[in-house]
Each structure stands twice: as structure tokens, then as C-alpha cells.
N, C-alpha and C. Protein backbone atom coordinates (compact mmCIF):
# COMPACT_ATOMS: atom_id res chain seq x y z
N GLN A 1 -23.88 16.71 8.63
CA GLN A 1 -23.44 15.86 9.89
C GLN A 1 -23.02 14.23 9.96
N PHE A 2 -21.92 14.42 10.52
CA PHE A 2 -21.39 12.95 10.97
C PHE A 2 -20.92 12.84 12.21
N ASP A 3 -20.50 11.64 12.47
CA ASP A 3 -20.03 11.36 14.09
C ASP A 3 -18.67 10.61 13.79
N LEU A 4 -17.85 11.49 14.26
CA LEU A 4 -16.70 10.95 14.35
C LEU A 4 -16.18 9.67 14.95
N ARG A 5 -16.87 9.61 16.29
CA ARG A 5 -16.71 8.36 16.92
C ARG A 5 -16.61 7.23 16.43
N GLY A 6 -15.23 6.70 16.57
CA GLY A 6 -14.42 5.26 15.82
C GLY A 6 -14.23 5.14 14.61
N ALA A 7 -14.00 6.53 14.11
CA ALA A 7 -13.24 7.01 12.77
C ALA A 7 -11.97 6.76 12.27
N LYS A 8 -12.02 6.60 11.47
CA LYS A 8 -10.08 6.36 11.17
C LYS A 8 -9.86 7.52 10.08
N ILE A 9 -8.81 7.77 10.74
CA ILE A 9 -8.14 9.00 9.40
C ILE A 9 -7.12 7.84 8.34
N ILE A 10 -7.54 8.33 7.21
CA ILE A 10 -6.98 7.28 6.17
C ILE A 10 -5.78 8.38 5.90
N LEU A 11 -4.67 7.67 5.78
CA LEU A 11 -3.55 8.24 4.98
C LEU A 11 -2.73 7.20 4.31
N ARG A 12 -1.79 8.02 3.13
CA ARG A 12 -1.35 7.03 2.32
C ARG A 12 0.06 6.88 3.15
N SER A 13 1.06 7.68 3.68
CA SER A 13 1.94 7.40 4.57
C SER A 13 2.34 6.84 5.79
N LYS A 14 3.11 6.80 6.27
CA LYS A 14 3.25 6.00 8.26
C LYS A 14 3.91 7.32 8.52
N ASP A 15 4.14 8.18 8.27
CA ASP A 15 4.38 9.68 9.19
C ASP A 15 3.66 10.18 9.79
N GLY A 16 2.14 9.96 9.71
CA GLY A 16 1.09 10.44 10.46
C GLY A 16 0.72 12.02 9.70
N LYS A 17 1.16 12.15 8.90
CA LYS A 17 1.05 14.02 8.35
C LYS A 17 -0.04 13.62 7.02
N PRO A 18 -0.74 14.69 6.96
CA PRO A 18 -1.80 14.75 6.00
C PRO A 18 -1.07 14.16 4.31
N ASN A 19 -2.17 13.83 3.83
CA ASN A 19 -1.67 13.53 2.08
C ASN A 19 -1.56 14.79 1.62
N TRP A 20 -0.90 14.86 0.14
CA TRP A 20 -0.85 15.84 -1.04
C TRP A 20 -1.28 15.76 -1.75
N ILE A 21 -1.49 16.26 -2.97
CA ILE A 21 -1.89 16.07 -4.45
C ILE A 21 -1.57 17.13 -5.20
N THR A 22 -0.86 16.80 -6.38
CA THR A 22 -0.37 18.24 -6.99
C THR A 22 -1.59 18.06 -8.61
N TYR A 23 -2.58 18.70 -8.65
CA TYR A 23 -3.20 18.61 -9.70
C TYR A 23 -2.39 19.66 -10.96
N PRO A 24 -3.14 18.87 -12.39
CA PRO A 24 -3.02 19.87 -13.10
C PRO A 24 -2.99 21.26 -13.47
N GLY A 25 -1.91 21.91 -13.82
CA GLY A 25 -2.25 23.35 -13.93
C GLY A 25 -2.32 24.31 -12.46
N GLU A 26 -2.12 23.67 -11.90
CA GLU A 26 -1.80 23.96 -10.18
C GLU A 26 -0.65 24.08 -10.10
N THR A 27 0.05 25.36 -9.57
CA THR A 27 1.30 25.74 -8.94
C THR A 27 1.96 24.88 -7.80
N SER A 28 1.02 24.99 -6.71
CA SER A 28 1.73 24.33 -5.33
C SER A 28 0.38 23.01 -5.23
N PRO A 29 1.06 21.92 -4.30
CA PRO A 29 0.35 20.86 -4.05
C PRO A 29 -1.12 20.96 -3.40
N TRP A 30 -2.10 20.55 -2.97
CA TRP A 30 -3.18 20.43 -2.02
C TRP A 30 -2.90 19.43 -1.12
N HIS A 31 -3.14 20.14 0.29
CA HIS A 31 -3.30 18.80 1.07
C HIS A 31 -4.17 18.43 1.76
N TYR A 32 -4.38 17.03 1.86
CA TYR A 32 -5.89 16.26 2.52
C TYR A 32 -5.50 15.15 3.00
N PHE A 33 -6.77 15.10 3.88
CA PHE A 33 -7.07 13.62 5.31
C PHE A 33 -8.28 13.26 4.75
N THR A 34 -8.05 12.05 4.79
CA THR A 34 -9.71 11.31 4.62
C THR A 34 -10.16 10.93 5.96
N ILE A 35 -11.31 10.92 6.62
CA ILE A 35 -11.92 10.24 7.80
C ILE A 35 -12.91 9.34 7.17
N LEU A 36 -12.59 7.98 7.80
CA LEU A 36 -13.70 7.17 7.43
C LEU A 36 -14.41 6.66 8.16
N PRO A 37 -15.67 7.04 8.58
CA PRO A 37 -16.62 6.90 9.88
C PRO A 37 -17.26 5.50 9.67
N ARG A 38 -17.51 5.34 11.13
CA ARG A 38 -17.78 3.82 10.80
C ARG A 38 -19.07 3.59 10.16
N ARG A 39 -19.89 4.62 10.12
CA ARG A 39 -20.99 4.39 8.94
C ARG A 39 -20.89 5.57 8.08
N GLY A 40 -21.14 5.50 6.80
CA GLY A 40 -21.12 5.98 5.74
C GLY A 40 -20.37 6.21 4.62
N TYR A 41 -20.03 7.22 4.16
CA TYR A 41 -19.03 7.59 3.22
C TYR A 41 -17.83 8.37 3.82
N PRO A 42 -16.57 8.08 2.98
CA PRO A 42 -15.58 8.75 3.62
C PRO A 42 -15.72 10.29 3.10
N ILE A 43 -15.04 10.61 3.89
CA ILE A 43 -14.94 12.45 4.06
C ILE A 43 -13.45 12.83 3.99
N LYS A 44 -13.27 13.65 2.36
CA LYS A 44 -12.01 14.08 2.87
C LYS A 44 -12.08 15.74 3.06
N ILE A 45 -11.13 15.90 3.70
CA ILE A 45 -10.94 17.33 4.23
C ILE A 45 -9.38 18.20 3.59
N SER A 46 -9.79 18.85 2.75
CA SER A 46 -8.56 19.74 2.02
C SER A 46 -8.24 20.71 1.85
N SER A 47 -7.43 21.41 1.41
CA SER A 47 -6.82 22.47 1.65
C SER A 47 -5.54 22.60 0.87
N PRO A 48 -5.55 24.19 0.02
CA PRO A 48 -4.14 24.31 -0.60
C PRO A 48 -3.15 24.77 0.14
N SER A 49 -3.46 25.07 1.51
CA SER A 49 -2.20 25.17 2.28
C SER A 49 -2.23 24.31 3.30
N LEU A 50 -1.07 23.56 3.47
CA LEU A 50 -1.12 22.91 4.77
C LEU A 50 -0.92 23.19 6.29
N GLU A 51 -0.63 25.03 6.35
CA GLU A 51 -1.02 25.42 7.64
C GLU A 51 -2.23 25.97 7.82
N GLU A 52 -3.27 26.15 6.79
CA GLU A 52 -4.80 26.00 7.05
C GLU A 52 -5.26 24.71 7.65
N LEU A 53 -4.67 23.54 7.00
CA LEU A 53 -5.13 22.10 7.13
C LEU A 53 -4.83 21.53 8.71
N GLU A 54 -3.49 22.05 8.73
CA GLU A 54 -3.28 21.43 10.58
C GLU A 54 -4.31 21.78 11.68
N PRO A 55 -4.50 22.91 11.58
CA PRO A 55 -5.50 23.01 12.79
C PRO A 55 -6.67 21.85 12.95
N VAL A 56 -7.05 21.61 11.76
CA VAL A 56 -8.55 20.72 11.63
C VAL A 56 -7.68 18.80 11.84
N TYR A 57 -7.07 19.26 11.12
CA TYR A 57 -6.37 17.63 11.43
C TYR A 57 -5.93 17.77 12.80
N ARG A 58 -5.44 18.55 13.16
CA ARG A 58 -5.00 18.24 14.76
C ARG A 58 -6.04 18.05 15.84
N ALA A 59 -7.01 18.78 15.78
CA ALA A 59 -8.47 18.81 16.26
C ALA A 59 -9.09 17.29 15.86
N VAL A 60 -9.30 16.83 14.60
CA VAL A 60 -9.68 15.55 14.39
C VAL A 60 -8.78 14.74 14.84
N ARG A 61 -8.04 14.45 14.54
CA ARG A 61 -7.08 13.16 15.41
C ARG A 61 -7.11 13.01 16.76
N SER A 62 -7.04 14.47 17.80
CA SER A 62 -7.10 14.67 18.90
C SER A 62 -8.72 14.06 19.58
N PHE A 63 -9.46 14.48 18.92
CA PHE A 63 -10.78 13.78 19.46
C PHE A 63 -10.55 12.49 18.88
N LEU A 64 -10.14 11.63 18.22
CA LEU A 64 -10.28 10.34 17.67
C LEU A 64 -9.21 9.40 18.87
N GLN A 65 -8.30 10.55 19.34
CA GLN A 65 -7.37 9.72 19.99
C GLN A 65 -7.93 9.74 21.66
N HIS A 66 -8.98 10.57 21.73
CA HIS A 66 -9.61 10.53 22.91
C HIS A 66 -10.75 9.67 23.33
N ASP A 67 -11.09 9.48 22.02
CA ASP A 67 -12.40 8.39 21.80
C ASP A 67 -12.08 7.07 22.17
N ALA A 68 -10.59 6.69 21.37
CA ALA A 68 -10.37 5.45 21.17
C ALA A 68 -9.89 5.51 22.94
N ALA A 69 -9.10 6.09 23.59
CA ALA A 69 -8.38 6.08 25.01
C ALA A 69 -10.10 5.54 25.96
N MET A 70 -10.86 6.55 25.85
CA MET A 70 -12.32 6.47 26.55
C MET A 70 -13.23 5.03 26.16
N LYS A 71 -12.48 4.37 25.08
CA LYS A 71 -13.41 2.94 24.71
C LYS A 71 -12.61 2.09 25.22
N ASN A 72 -11.22 2.27 25.11
CA ASN A 72 -10.10 1.36 26.19
C ASN A 72 -10.42 1.09 27.36
N GLN A 73 -10.71 2.19 28.08
CA GLN A 73 -10.88 2.49 29.52
C GLN A 73 -12.09 1.92 30.27
N HIS A 74 -13.06 2.35 29.21
CA HIS A 74 -14.64 1.58 29.44
C HIS A 74 -14.38 -0.06 29.40
N ALA A 75 -14.05 -0.29 28.18
CA ALA A 75 -13.81 -2.01 28.10
C ALA A 75 -12.97 -2.49 29.45
N GLN A 76 -11.84 -1.66 29.65
CA GLN A 76 -10.73 -2.45 30.89
C GLN A 76 -11.87 -2.47 32.14
N GLN A 77 -12.71 -1.65 32.31
CA GLN A 77 -13.38 -1.00 33.68
C GLN A 77 -14.55 -2.34 33.57
N MET A 78 -14.85 -2.95 32.34
CA MET A 78 -15.81 -3.95 32.39
C MET A 78 -15.35 -4.99 32.47
N GLY A 79 -13.76 -5.04 32.36
CA GLY A 79 -13.52 -6.51 32.23
C GLY A 79 -13.33 -7.04 31.16
N HIS A 80 -13.11 -6.20 30.24
CA HIS A 80 -12.97 -6.82 28.76
C HIS A 80 -11.08 -6.58 28.32
N TYR A 81 -10.77 -7.48 27.70
CA TYR A 81 -9.57 -7.25 27.10
C TYR A 81 -9.67 -6.77 25.54
N ILE A 82 -9.55 -5.75 25.22
CA ILE A 82 -9.13 -5.52 23.61
C ILE A 82 -7.84 -5.03 23.20
N GLU A 83 -7.48 -5.14 21.99
CA GLU A 83 -6.48 -4.96 21.32
C GLU A 83 -6.89 -3.21 20.92
N GLU A 84 -5.30 -2.77 21.37
CA GLU A 84 -5.63 -1.34 21.16
C GLU A 84 -5.50 -1.04 19.69
N GLU A 85 -6.02 -0.18 19.14
CA GLU A 85 -6.44 0.03 17.76
C GLU A 85 -5.82 1.52 17.32
N SER A 86 -4.89 1.75 16.33
CA SER A 86 -4.66 2.92 15.92
C SER A 86 -5.95 4.05 15.42
N VAL A 87 -5.84 5.09 15.16
CA VAL A 87 -6.71 5.95 14.96
C VAL A 87 -6.30 6.38 13.51
N TYR A 88 -5.44 5.92 12.98
CA TYR A 88 -5.11 5.91 11.15
C TYR A 88 -4.93 4.55 10.65
N GLN A 89 -5.63 4.58 9.41
CA GLN A 89 -5.86 3.38 8.96
C GLN A 89 -4.72 3.55 7.43
N THR A 90 -3.78 3.13 7.05
CA THR A 90 -2.56 3.60 6.08
C THR A 90 -2.87 2.72 4.77
N VAL A 91 -3.15 3.61 3.39
CA VAL A 91 -3.54 3.03 2.30
C VAL A 91 -2.50 3.40 1.03
N GLU A 92 -2.43 2.60 0.29
CA GLU A 92 -1.84 2.99 -0.79
C GLU A 92 -2.55 4.16 -1.45
N THR A 93 -3.90 3.78 -1.76
CA THR A 93 -4.36 5.07 -2.51
C THR A 93 -5.91 5.04 -1.65
N THR A 94 -6.39 6.29 -2.12
CA THR A 94 -7.61 6.32 -0.76
C THR A 94 -8.77 5.53 -1.39
N PRO A 95 -9.49 4.76 -0.51
CA PRO A 95 -10.52 3.86 -0.71
C PRO A 95 -11.39 4.70 -1.65
N PRO A 96 -12.35 3.63 -2.56
CA PRO A 96 -13.30 4.47 -3.28
C PRO A 96 -14.65 4.72 -2.61
N ARG A 97 -15.31 5.31 -3.44
CA ARG A 97 -16.46 5.45 -2.31
C ARG A 97 -17.42 4.35 -2.04
N GLY A 98 -17.54 4.54 -0.89
CA GLY A 98 -18.48 3.31 -0.23
C GLY A 98 -17.27 2.19 0.36
N GLY A 99 -16.17 2.37 0.00
CA GLY A 99 -14.83 1.39 0.49
C GLY A 99 -14.68 1.53 1.98
N GLY A 100 -14.26 0.88 2.82
CA GLY A 100 -13.47 1.05 3.83
C GLY A 100 -13.26 -0.27 4.44
N ARG A 101 -13.40 -0.15 5.44
CA ARG A 101 -12.68 -1.34 6.60
C ARG A 101 -14.21 -2.46 7.20
N VAL A 102 -13.94 -3.40 7.07
CA VAL A 102 -14.97 -4.69 7.52
C VAL A 102 -15.20 -4.16 8.71
N ARG A 103 -16.58 -4.00 8.91
CA ARG A 103 -17.06 -3.78 10.27
C ARG A 103 -18.29 -4.90 10.84
N THR A 104 -17.69 -5.26 12.58
CA THR A 104 -18.41 -6.45 12.89
C THR A 104 -19.32 -5.83 14.19
N ASN A 105 -20.27 -6.71 14.41
CA ASN A 105 -20.76 -6.20 15.56
C ASN A 105 -19.43 -6.54 17.03
N LYS A 106 -18.47 -6.63 17.15
CA LYS A 106 -17.68 -6.82 18.26
C LYS A 106 -16.94 -5.13 18.02
N ASP A 107 -16.99 -4.39 17.35
CA ASP A 107 -15.77 -3.16 16.71
C ASP A 107 -15.85 -2.21 17.63
N SER A 108 -17.22 -1.87 18.42
CA SER A 108 -17.00 -0.83 19.88
C SER A 108 -18.04 -1.39 20.48
N TYR A 109 -17.81 -0.72 21.95
CA TYR A 109 -18.45 -0.72 23.10
C TYR A 109 -19.72 0.04 23.28
N TRP A 110 -19.45 1.06 22.25
CA TRP A 110 -20.10 2.29 22.15
C TRP A 110 -21.96 2.05 21.55
């Protein structure tokens, strides 16, 4: 189990599409995306087929966008101004195990 609230999707490119990698000996690339939860280790979800990965990727992305919108709406109702954050974090390479963004006490209203 893991909590998706406040998580980020880690991508290599800025086009918003899942990453891919070709392993030695494989004829086609594997497609994947990485979820960086607020707490815990990064979670890599992969598939040899982009078509099989897309529904999972869309569902995670949709949940995170909805979660961010609810967080912003709650903050505005409380009279707080918060800078809107993207549900994506673009990196050159996938962070090492246990790596991730710096967390502070003001990261979330939840």
C-alpha cells in the first residue's frame, strides 16, 4: 500500500509522456513512469507495451491533478495563497532509491 496524495510523477521529458528504456537483448523498449510519494521510496510502474501502461498512467495523473486542485481550493477557502504546483517533476535520470524532493512542514494542508 502507498498513499498517492501529494505525490509527483517523475518524468525525463517535458512532454508529459511515460519514459522508456531499451534493455540489452530486448527487441522493443519498456515504458514506465515513477511515482514519488510524499513519504517512502519511489514507485516505478512499467510495461512492455505503452498501450497497457497508458490507462494506469492516466488514472494516476488524473488522481494527482484532482488532489492538487482540492488542496488549492481548500487553501483558498481558508484564505491562504499557495503557489500552484505541477503533478510532474522532470529529471534527467530517475532519482536513486530514497532520493527525492525536499519536504517541509508547509508542503501540504492535508
